[in-house]
Amino acid sequence: MRTTSTERLADSLEELGTETAFSVLARAKELERAGREVVHLEIGEPDFDTPAHITEAAVRALRAGETHYCPAAGIPELREAVAEHLTATRGVEISRDRVLVGTGAKPFLFFTVLATCNPGDEVIYPDPGFPIYESAIRWGGATPVPLPLLEERDFAFRLEDLEARLSERTKLVILNSPQNPTGGMAGAEELRRAAQLIEAGDAWVLSDEVYSQIHYEGTFASIAAVPGMLDRTVLLDGFSKTFAMTGWRCGFAAVPASFVDPLVRFFVNCTSCVPPFVQHAGVAALRGPMEEPRAMVAEFRRRRDLLVTGLNELPGVSCRLPRGAFYAFPNIDGVPLSSEQLASRLLDEAGVALLAGTAFGKVGEHNLRISYATSQENLERALTSMDGFLRGL
């Protein structure tokens, strides 16, 4: 008997996950095509335009012929600008030769797992957390070890939980602050103590800091700034969130010296390089005025306050105040529906597209994730629709 085409595909595809946000977006677009109105709170990207001086830098580079291959590690001008930016914002000296540029942040997630882990090695990652963490871990053949982020601690992990999960099989620890999906942030003292635990073993660290410039309370801290940790940390950041450049696909990282050649080889095999005109736009972003990104963060703060206040007035819902990023992670314990049921019915019956907390891990089973990277008017419409739906249950 002949096998079907599906049966001939690789077994490893079963381990490759996805982002629920894109499937919910697709369903919401179907409803809109059918004439329904939908408020989009599912996709995590700024609703602001890329600042004009950044776009103009790309246009100048295009007109200057910057449309050919360039070094896979990144053009020297951008690697230098990134090194300056990371040094200034993390408080630790970072040299240009430790900086790499990729097509967004996701390649660094996958390639760091592939560069560090053999089948059976363990990777600790946040739960709830960005779903691509677990996807990359499983597809790379490693064993995912979720680290709970606790709502009663404003979605921070307990050091004793980290210590209990570290073992001789741990090859990588993934941290994320400010955090998707909860908006939680790790403090400097918490990271210092976590670094002490990690340094007792041989694990590397991947610190996902793509929301580093979007925070509202407290001071941003990076584990890479803890003495000794820079040499074992992949410090990941990018342009998508800070500069409203999600579609430009340009991320960057400072990596341990031993990672430079392996990661560059991954780039050569998979993506070749980030288009040079995009990289020149990145130079303009990092070295240009910051008024627009700061204004964007100020608007996110206003939206956050409006949303969280409104969520806490909904029946059966409570919500902690996010300290960073642009997500709220409300608790729905008082609603007689699971998070998946509630998310699905809010879309179909109330026209509000958001995500079940379980899209980000088991710990999110009592939560929803809401992106407030949309207008205050849209947030008010969503809250009104949610209120009507919940009071009708």
Protein backbone atom coordinates (compact mmCIF):
# COMPACT_ATOMS: atom_id res chain seq x y z
CA MET A 1 0.00 0.00 0.00
CA ARG A 2 1.35 3.40 -0.93
CA THR A 3 1.73 5.96 1.80
CA THR A 4 0.02 9.32 1.58
CA SER A 5 2.04 12.48 0.99
CA THR A 6 1.44 13.47 4.62
CA GLU A 7 2.88 10.18 5.86
CA ARG A 8 6.08 10.84 3.91
CA LEU A 9 6.81 14.07 5.80
CA ALA A 10 9.48 14.20 8.50
CA ASP A 11 8.56 12.98 11.99
CA SER A 12 10.29 16.04 13.48
CA LEU A 13 7.45 18.24 12.21
CA GLU A 14 5.33 16.87 15.05
CA GLU A 15 7.60 18.75 17.46
CA LEU A 16 7.39 22.06 15.63
CA GLY A 17 4.88 24.38 17.28
CA THR A 18 3.40 27.68 16.17
CA GLU A 19 1.98 30.94 17.48
CA THR A 20 -1.73 30.83 18.24
CA ALA A 21 -1.90 34.59 17.65
CA PHE A 22 -1.61 34.05 13.90
CA SER A 23 -4.37 31.41 13.76
CA VAL A 24 -6.67 33.66 15.82
CA LEU A 25 -5.81 36.57 13.51
CA ALA A 26 -6.73 34.43 10.50
CA ARG A 27 -10.09 33.51 12.08
CA ALA A 28 -10.74 37.17 12.96
CA LYS A 29 -10.02 38.21 9.36
CA GLU A 30 -12.51 35.60 8.14
CA LEU A 31 -15.19 37.13 10.36
CA GLU A 32 -14.35 40.61 9.07
CA ARG A 33 -14.65 39.42 5.48
CA ALA A 34 -18.12 38.13 6.39
CA GLY A 35 -19.07 41.62 7.56
CA ARG A 36 -18.41 41.32 11.29
CA GLU A 37 -16.59 43.99 13.29
CA VAL A 38 -13.64 42.69 15.30
CA VAL A 39 -11.38 44.44 17.80
CA HIS A 40 -7.88 43.00 17.40
CA LEU A 41 -6.14 42.38 20.73
CA GLU A 42 -4.37 39.20 19.63
CA ILE A 43 -1.30 40.36 17.72
CA GLY A 44 1.68 41.77 19.59
CA GLU A 45 3.01 44.55 17.42
CA PRO A 46 3.01 48.34 17.84
CA ASP A 47 0.27 50.10 15.89
CA PHE A 48 2.61 53.03 15.26
CA ASP A 49 4.44 53.80 12.02
CA THR A 50 8.18 53.33 11.87
CA PRO A 51 9.74 56.76 12.57
CA ALA A 52 10.24 58.63 9.30
CA HIS A 53 14.00 59.17 9.69
CA ILE A 54 14.48 55.38 9.86
CA THR A 55 12.47 54.77 6.69
CA GLU A 56 14.32 57.59 4.94
CA ALA A 57 17.67 55.99 5.83
CA ALA A 58 16.51 52.77 4.17
CA VAL A 59 15.39 54.66 1.07
CA ARG A 60 18.76 56.41 0.82
CA ALA A 61 20.52 53.07 1.14
CA LEU A 62 18.31 51.55 -1.57
CA ARG A 63 19.09 54.43 -3.91
CA ALA A 64 22.79 54.05 -3.11
CA GLY A 65 22.67 50.43 -4.29
CA GLU A 66 22.71 48.71 -0.89
CA THR A 67 20.74 45.79 -2.31
CA HIS A 68 23.35 43.05 -2.56
CA TYR A 69 24.82 40.45 -0.25
CA CYS A 70 26.68 41.69 2.80
CA PRO A 71 28.51 39.96 5.68
CA ALA A 72 26.34 37.30 7.32
CA ALA A 73 27.27 38.64 10.76
CA GLY A 74 25.99 42.10 9.88
CA ILE A 75 27.48 45.23 8.35
CA PRO A 76 30.22 46.80 10.52
CA GLU A 77 28.30 50.07 10.95
CA LEU A 78 25.30 48.32 12.52
CA ARG A 79 27.37 45.97 14.67
CA GLU A 80 29.18 49.02 16.04
CA ALA A 81 25.92 50.89 16.68
CA VAL A 82 24.44 47.84 18.43
CA ALA A 83 27.54 47.48 20.62
CA GLU A 84 27.22 51.14 21.64
CA HIS A 85 23.49 50.74 22.34
CA LEU A 86 23.87 47.59 24.43
CA THR A 87 26.80 49.03 26.36
CA ALA A 88 24.79 52.15 27.20
CA THR A 89 21.55 50.37 28.11
CA ARG A 90 22.94 47.32 29.93
CA GLY A 91 25.79 48.95 31.80
CA VAL A 92 28.39 46.44 30.67
CA GLU A 93 31.05 46.89 27.99
CA ILE A 94 30.18 45.01 24.79
CA SER A 95 32.51 44.93 21.81
CA ARG A 96 31.48 44.96 18.16
CA ASP A 97 33.00 41.55 17.43
CA ARG A 98 30.53 39.96 19.88
CA VAL A 99 27.49 41.43 18.07
CA LEU A 100 25.53 39.55 15.39
CA VAL A 101 22.60 40.69 13.27
CA GLY A 102 19.76 38.37 12.23
CA THR A 103 16.44 38.38 10.41
CA GLY A 104 14.50 39.22 13.57
CA ALA A 105 14.92 37.67 17.01
CA LYS A 106 13.52 34.21 16.23
CA PRO A 107 16.62 32.89 14.39
CA PHE A 108 18.65 33.54 17.54
CA LEU A 109 16.14 31.50 19.58
CA PHE A 110 16.34 28.50 17.27
CA PHE A 111 20.03 28.69 16.54
CA THR A 112 21.03 29.11 20.19
CA VAL A 113 19.14 25.92 21.07
CA LEU A 114 20.69 24.08 18.13
CA ALA A 115 24.18 25.38 18.96
CA THR A 116 24.05 24.36 22.63
CA CYS A 117 21.88 21.26 22.93
CA ASN A 118 22.18 17.61 22.06
CA PRO A 119 19.16 15.28 22.18
CA GLY A 120 18.21 14.73 25.81
CA ASP A 121 19.78 17.91 27.12
CA GLU A 122 17.43 20.09 29.15
CA VAL A 123 16.39 23.70 28.56
CA ILE A 124 14.64 25.71 31.26
CA TYR A 125 12.17 28.26 29.89
CA PRO A 126 9.43 30.50 31.33
CA ASP A 127 5.86 29.25 31.68
CA PRO A 128 3.81 31.14 30.62
CA GLY A 129 6.18 32.23 27.89
CA PHE A 130 6.62 32.99 24.20
CA PRO A 131 5.51 29.72 22.51
CA ILE A 132 8.47 29.60 20.14
CA TYR A 133 10.74 28.79 23.11
CA GLU A 134 9.17 25.38 23.64
CA SER A 135 8.82 24.82 19.90
CA ALA A 136 12.54 25.42 19.29
CA ILE A 137 13.53 23.25 22.26
CA ARG A 138 11.41 20.28 21.18
CA TRP A 139 12.32 20.51 17.51
CA GLY A 140 16.01 20.65 18.43
CA GLY A 141 15.66 17.36 20.29
CA ALA A 142 16.18 18.82 23.76
CA THR A 143 13.86 18.39 26.73
CA PRO A 144 11.79 21.44 27.73
CA VAL A 145 11.69 22.18 31.47
CA PRO A 146 9.06 24.84 32.26
CA LEU A 147 9.81 27.38 35.00
CA PRO A 148 6.54 28.69 36.49
CA LEU A 149 5.96 32.44 36.58
CA LEU A 150 3.63 33.06 39.50
CA GLU A 151 0.76 35.51 39.34
CA GLU A 152 0.98 36.23 43.07
CA ARG A 153 4.58 37.37 42.45
CA ASP A 154 3.56 39.61 39.53
CA PHE A 155 4.61 36.78 37.22
CA ALA A 156 8.12 36.37 38.55
CA PHE A 157 9.69 32.96 39.18
CA ARG A 158 10.79 31.75 42.58
CA LEU A 159 14.52 31.19 42.95
CA GLU A 160 13.86 27.86 44.66
CA ASP A 161 11.90 26.74 41.59
CA LEU A 162 14.83 27.65 39.35
CA GLU A 163 17.26 25.85 41.64
CA ALA A 164 15.08 22.72 41.67
CA ARG A 165 15.09 22.57 37.87
CA LEU A 166 18.80 23.12 37.33
CA SER A 167 20.69 19.85 36.89
CA GLU A 168 23.78 18.44 35.23
CA ARG A 169 21.61 17.95 32.13
CA THR A 170 20.70 21.67 31.92
CA LYS A 171 22.41 23.19 28.88
CA LEU A 172 20.42 26.41 28.50
CA VAL A 173 18.26 28.69 30.62
CA ILE A 174 15.90 31.04 28.75
CA LEU A 175 14.88 34.24 30.53
CA ASN A 176 12.56 36.96 29.24
CA SER A 177 12.12 40.40 30.78
CA PRO A 178 10.01 42.46 30.19
CA GLN A 179 7.90 39.43 29.51
CA ASN A 180 5.52 38.17 26.87
CA PRO A 181 2.70 37.32 27.69
CA THR A 182 2.43 38.72 31.22
CA GLY A 183 4.21 42.09 31.17
CA GLY A 184 6.25 40.98 34.19
CA MET A 185 9.80 42.20 34.83
CA ALA A 186 12.73 40.68 36.69
CA GLY A 187 14.60 42.92 39.13
CA ALA A 188 18.37 43.33 39.35
CA GLU A 189 18.64 41.49 42.69
CA GLU A 190 16.49 38.62 41.46
CA LEU A 191 18.69 38.26 38.38
CA ARG A 192 21.87 38.46 40.46
CA ARG A 193 20.71 35.59 42.63
CA ALA A 194 19.54 33.62 39.60
CA ALA A 195 22.98 34.11 38.05
CA GLN A 196 24.60 32.63 41.17
CA LEU A 197 22.49 29.50 40.80
CA ILE A 198 23.22 29.19 37.07
CA GLU A 199 26.96 29.77 37.53
CA ALA A 200 27.16 26.74 39.81
CA GLY A 201 26.65 24.58 36.72
CA ASP A 202 27.57 24.63 33.04
CA ALA A 203 24.40 26.09 31.54
CA TRP A 204 24.32 28.91 29.01
CA VAL A 205 21.71 31.67 29.22
CA LEU A 206 19.53 33.15 26.51
CA SER A 207 18.16 36.46 27.79
CA ASP A 208 15.31 37.62 25.57
CA GLU A 209 15.21 41.40 26.04
CA VAL A 210 13.28 42.52 22.96
CA TYR A 211 10.97 44.63 25.17
CA SER A 212 13.86 46.22 27.07
CA GLN A 213 12.89 49.78 26.12
CA ILE A 214 9.18 49.32 26.88
CA HIS A 215 8.71 49.47 30.64
CA TYR A 216 6.73 51.65 33.03
CA GLU A 217 7.66 50.92 36.64
CA GLY A 218 11.07 50.19 38.10
CA THR A 219 14.37 49.93 36.28
CA PHE A 220 15.16 47.49 33.50
CA ALA A 221 17.86 44.97 34.42
CA SER A 222 19.77 42.41 32.37
CA ILE A 223 21.40 39.25 33.69
CA ALA A 224 24.24 39.97 31.25
CA ALA A 225 25.25 42.88 33.50
CA VAL A 226 25.92 40.55 36.43
CA PRO A 227 29.73 40.13 36.66
CA GLY A 228 30.83 37.03 34.80
CA MET A 229 27.52 36.41 33.02
CA LEU A 230 28.23 38.19 29.73
CA ASP A 231 30.55 35.35 28.71
CA ARG A 232 27.79 32.76 29.03
CA THR A 233 24.78 34.81 27.88
CA VAL A 234 23.16 35.37 24.49
CA LEU A 235 21.72 38.86 25.02
CA LEU A 236 18.90 39.16 22.50
CA ASP A 237 17.19 42.36 21.35
CA GLY A 238 15.90 43.87 18.13
CA PHE A 239 14.14 46.70 16.33
CA SER A 240 10.61 45.31 16.01
CA LYS A 241 9.11 46.50 19.29
CA THR A 242 11.11 49.60 20.27
CA PHE A 243 11.00 51.20 16.83
CA ALA A 244 7.73 49.74 15.44
CA MET A 245 9.70 47.78 12.84
CA THR A 246 8.09 44.33 13.02
CA GLY A 247 7.95 43.90 9.25
CA TRP A 248 11.56 44.94 8.71
CA ARG A 249 12.79 41.66 10.24
CA CYS A 250 15.97 42.76 11.92
CA GLY A 251 17.20 41.57 15.31
CA PHE A 252 20.53 41.58 17.04
CA ALA A 253 22.37 39.89 19.87
CA ALA A 254 25.58 40.08 21.84
CA VAL A 255 26.91 36.55 22.18
CA PRO A 256 29.77 34.72 23.90
CA ALA A 257 32.90 34.63 21.75
CA SER A 258 32.55 30.88 21.18
CA PHE A 259 29.07 31.40 19.68
CA VAL A 260 30.08 33.84 16.94
CA ASP A 261 31.30 31.33 14.36
CA PRO A 262 28.56 28.70 14.91
CA LEU A 263 25.75 31.26 14.71
CA VAL A 264 27.23 32.89 11.62
CA ARG A 265 27.37 29.44 9.99
CA PHE A 266 23.66 28.99 10.77
CA PHE A 267 22.96 32.35 9.12
CA VAL A 268 24.99 31.39 6.05
CA ASN A 269 23.07 28.13 5.73
CA CYS A 270 19.61 29.58 6.33
CA THR A 271 19.25 33.30 5.63
CA SER A 272 22.59 34.50 4.14
CA CYS A 273 22.23 38.00 5.57
CA VAL A 274 19.84 40.74 6.58
CA PRO A 275 19.36 43.07 3.58
CA PRO A 276 21.95 45.86 3.90
CA PHE A 277 19.42 48.66 3.34
CA VAL A 278 17.47 47.32 6.35
CA GLN A 279 20.67 47.37 8.41
CA HIS A 280 21.35 50.99 7.48
CA ALA A 281 17.85 51.77 8.73
CA GLY A 282 18.86 50.04 11.96
CA VAL A 283 21.88 52.32 12.32
CA ALA A 284 19.59 55.33 11.93
CA ALA A 285 17.24 53.92 14.57
CA LEU A 286 19.94 53.37 17.20
CA ARG A 287 21.81 56.61 16.57
CA GLY A 288 18.85 58.84 15.80
CA PRO A 289 16.34 60.74 17.95
CA MET A 290 14.33 58.75 20.50
CA GLU A 291 11.38 61.11 20.92
CA GLU A 292 8.98 58.92 18.93
CA PRO A 293 9.81 55.64 20.73
CA ARG A 294 9.46 57.45 24.07
CA ALA A 295 6.12 58.91 23.01
CA MET A 296 4.99 55.44 21.97
CA VAL A 297 5.87 54.03 25.40
CA ALA A 298 4.01 56.90 27.09
CA GLU A 299 0.92 56.07 25.03
CA PHE A 300 1.27 52.38 25.89
CA ARG A 301 1.28 53.36 29.57
CA ARG A 302 -2.01 55.26 29.11
CA ARG A 303 -3.52 52.31 27.28
CA ARG A 304 -2.31 49.91 29.95
CA ASP A 305 -3.90 51.96 32.71
CA LEU A 306 -7.20 52.22 30.82
CA LEU A 307 -7.27 48.50 30.04
CA VAL A 308 -6.30 47.20 33.48
CA THR A 309 -8.80 49.48 35.19
CA GLY A 310 -11.52 48.24 32.85
CA LEU A 311 -10.58 44.58 33.21
CA ASN A 312 -10.78 44.79 36.99
CA GLU A 313 -14.36 46.06 36.66
CA LEU A 314 -15.46 43.04 34.59
CA PRO A 315 -17.39 40.27 36.37
CA GLY A 316 -15.17 37.31 37.24
CA VAL A 317 -11.97 39.00 36.04
CA SER A 318 -8.94 40.38 37.88
CA CYS A 319 -5.76 41.78 36.41
CA ARG A 320 -2.38 42.73 37.79
CA LEU A 321 -0.62 45.81 36.49
CA PRO A 322 1.97 44.89 33.83
CA ARG A 323 5.33 46.58 34.36
CA GLY A 324 6.60 46.26 30.81
CA ALA A 325 5.90 45.18 27.20
CA PHE A 326 2.34 45.82 25.95
CA TYR A 327 0.39 42.82 27.25
CA ALA A 328 -2.06 42.24 30.06
CA PHE A 329 -2.62 38.72 31.43
CA PRO A 330 -5.93 38.89 33.31
CA ASN A 331 -7.11 36.08 35.58
CA ILE A 332 -10.55 34.66 34.70
CA ASP A 333 -11.04 32.29 37.64
CA GLY A 334 -14.44 33.85 38.33
CA VAL A 335 -15.74 33.11 34.82
CA PRO A 336 -17.52 29.75 34.30
CA LEU A 337 -15.56 28.99 31.13
CA SER A 338 -12.05 27.73 30.42
CA SER A 339 -9.61 30.20 28.91
CA GLU A 340 -9.89 28.46 25.53
CA GLN A 341 -13.69 28.53 25.63
CA LEU A 342 -13.78 32.15 26.71
CA ALA A 343 -11.29 33.31 24.06
CA SER A 344 -13.20 31.46 21.35
CA ARG A 345 -16.62 32.77 22.37
CA LEU A 346 -15.39 36.34 22.83
CA LEU A 347 -14.25 36.29 19.21
CA ASP A 348 -17.32 34.59 17.77
CA GLU A 349 -19.99 36.26 19.91
CA ALA A 350 -18.49 39.57 21.06
CA GLY A 351 -16.10 40.39 18.23
CA VAL A 352 -13.03 40.60 20.48
CA ALA A 353 -9.92 38.75 19.29
CA LEU A 354 -7.55 37.80 22.11
CA LEU A 355 -5.67 34.70 23.22
CA ALA A 356 -6.19 31.98 25.79
CA GLY A 357 -3.41 31.91 28.36
CA THR A 358 -2.79 28.24 27.55
CA ALA A 359 -1.31 29.36 24.23
CA PHE A 360 1.71 30.33 26.34
CA GLY A 361 1.95 27.33 28.65
CA LYS A 362 0.13 25.31 31.29
CA VAL A 363 0.49 28.01 33.96
CA GLY A 364 -1.73 30.28 31.85
CA GLU A 365 -4.79 28.04 32.04
CA HIS A 366 -6.64 30.60 34.19
CA ASN A 367 -5.72 33.64 32.10
CA LEU A 368 -6.18 35.49 28.84
CA ARG A 369 -3.50 37.44 26.98
CA ILE A 370 -4.50 40.84 25.71
CA SER A 371 -2.28 43.06 23.57
CA TYR A 372 -2.92 46.74 24.21
CA ALA A 373 -0.89 47.79 21.18
CA THR A 374 -4.05 49.32 19.74
CA SER A 375 -5.93 52.57 20.21
CA GLN A 376 -7.69 53.62 23.40
CA GLU A 377 -10.91 53.73 21.39
CA ASN A 378 -10.48 50.09 20.42
CA LEU A 379 -9.70 49.12 24.00
CA GLU A 380 -12.85 50.84 25.23
CA ARG A 381 -14.91 49.06 22.56
CA ALA A 382 -13.41 45.73 23.56
CA LEU A 383 -14.09 46.29 27.26
CA THR A 384 -17.70 47.23 26.54
CA SER A 385 -18.20 44.10 24.43
CA MET A 386 -16.52 41.87 26.99
CA ASP A 387 -18.63 43.34 29.78
CA GLY A 388 -21.83 42.66 27.90
CA PHE A 389 -20.80 39.11 27.07
CA LEU A 390 -19.71 38.23 30.63
CA ARG A 391 -22.84 39.66 32.23
CA GLY A 392 -24.91 37.55 29.85
CA LEU A 393 -23.38 34.24 30.94
